[in-house]
Amino acid sequence: MTNTSRFDTASNTIRSTAAALALGVTMALMGGLNGVADQQFNSVIADQADQGPTQVVVITGQRPARA
């Protein structure tokens, strides 16, 4: 017959609670970072719109033809 201590019996509950709290904090932080990223993206788009048209130069390289 095995006797389990009070801590062993409650440890699964404690571990589950700690995991749930860690998940909640992680999701809250990720949501906050997502909000900041969206705000920064919208700010950049708005700043580009205020500057007017810009010229973009695209340089492409080509291999010379073989002789």
Protein backbone atom coordinates (compact mmCIF):
# COMPACT_ATOMS: atom_id res chain seq x y z
CA MET A 1 0.00 0.00 0.00
CA THR A 2 1.39 3.36 -1.06
CA ASN A 3 0.73 6.47 0.94
CA THR A 4 0.65 9.71 -1.02
CA SER A 5 1.50 12.92 0.71
CA ARG A 6 -0.75 15.93 0.56
CA PHE A 7 1.68 17.71 -1.76
CA ASP A 8 1.72 14.85 -4.26
CA THR A 9 -2.06 14.85 -4.39
CA ALA A 10 -2.28 18.60 -4.94
CA SER A 11 0.71 18.85 -7.28
CA ASN A 12 -1.33 18.08 -10.41
CA THR A 13 -3.76 20.86 -9.51
CA ILE A 14 -0.91 23.25 -8.83
CA ARG A 15 0.85 22.34 -12.07
CA SER A 16 -2.35 22.73 -14.08
CA THR A 17 -3.04 26.11 -12.48
CA ALA A 18 0.51 27.30 -13.12
CA ALA A 19 0.35 26.15 -16.74
CA ALA A 20 -2.98 27.90 -17.24
CA LEU A 21 -1.63 31.13 -15.74
CA ALA A 22 1.50 30.93 -17.89
CA LEU A 23 -0.64 30.39 -20.98
CA GLY A 24 -2.84 33.35 -20.06
CA VAL A 25 0.14 35.66 -19.55
CA THR A 26 1.76 34.48 -22.79
CA MET A 27 -1.42 35.07 -24.79
CA ALA A 28 -1.86 38.52 -23.23
CA LEU A 29 1.70 39.48 -24.14
CA MET A 30 1.33 38.18 -27.67
CA GLY A 31 -1.92 40.09 -28.09
CA GLY A 32 -0.25 43.27 -26.86
CA LEU A 33 2.66 42.83 -29.24
CA ASN A 34 0.23 42.22 -32.09
CA GLY A 35 -1.54 45.47 -31.28
CA VAL A 36 1.73 47.41 -31.23
CA ALA A 37 2.81 45.86 -34.53
CA ASP A 38 -0.51 46.79 -36.17
CA GLN A 39 -0.22 50.34 -34.88
CA GLN A 40 3.35 50.69 -36.19
CA PHE A 41 2.38 49.26 -39.58
CA ASN A 42 -0.55 51.66 -39.92
CA SER A 43 1.69 54.55 -38.89
CA VAL A 44 4.23 53.69 -41.60
CA ILE A 45 1.52 53.41 -44.24
CA ALA A 46 0.05 56.76 -43.20
CA ASP A 47 3.49 58.43 -43.26
CA GLN A 48 4.14 57.10 -46.76
CA ALA A 49 0.79 58.43 -47.96
CA ASP A 50 1.60 61.89 -46.59
CA GLN A 51 4.90 62.10 -48.46
CA GLY A 52 3.36 61.91 -51.90
CA PRO A 53 4.58 59.86 -54.83
CA THR A 54 8.04 58.35 -54.71
CA GLN A 55 10.23 56.97 -57.46
CA VAL A 56 11.50 53.43 -57.16
CA VAL A 57 14.41 52.13 -59.21
CA VAL A 58 14.64 48.38 -59.71
CA ILE A 59 17.93 46.96 -60.94
CA THR A 60 17.91 43.43 -62.26
CA GLY A 61 20.99 41.45 -63.14
CA GLN A 62 21.29 39.17 -66.12
CA ARG A 63 23.88 36.61 -66.98
CA PRO A 64 25.75 37.25 -70.19
CA ALA A 65 24.96 34.87 -73.03
CA ARG A 66 27.33 31.96 -73.47
CA ALA A 67 29.51 32.03 -76.52
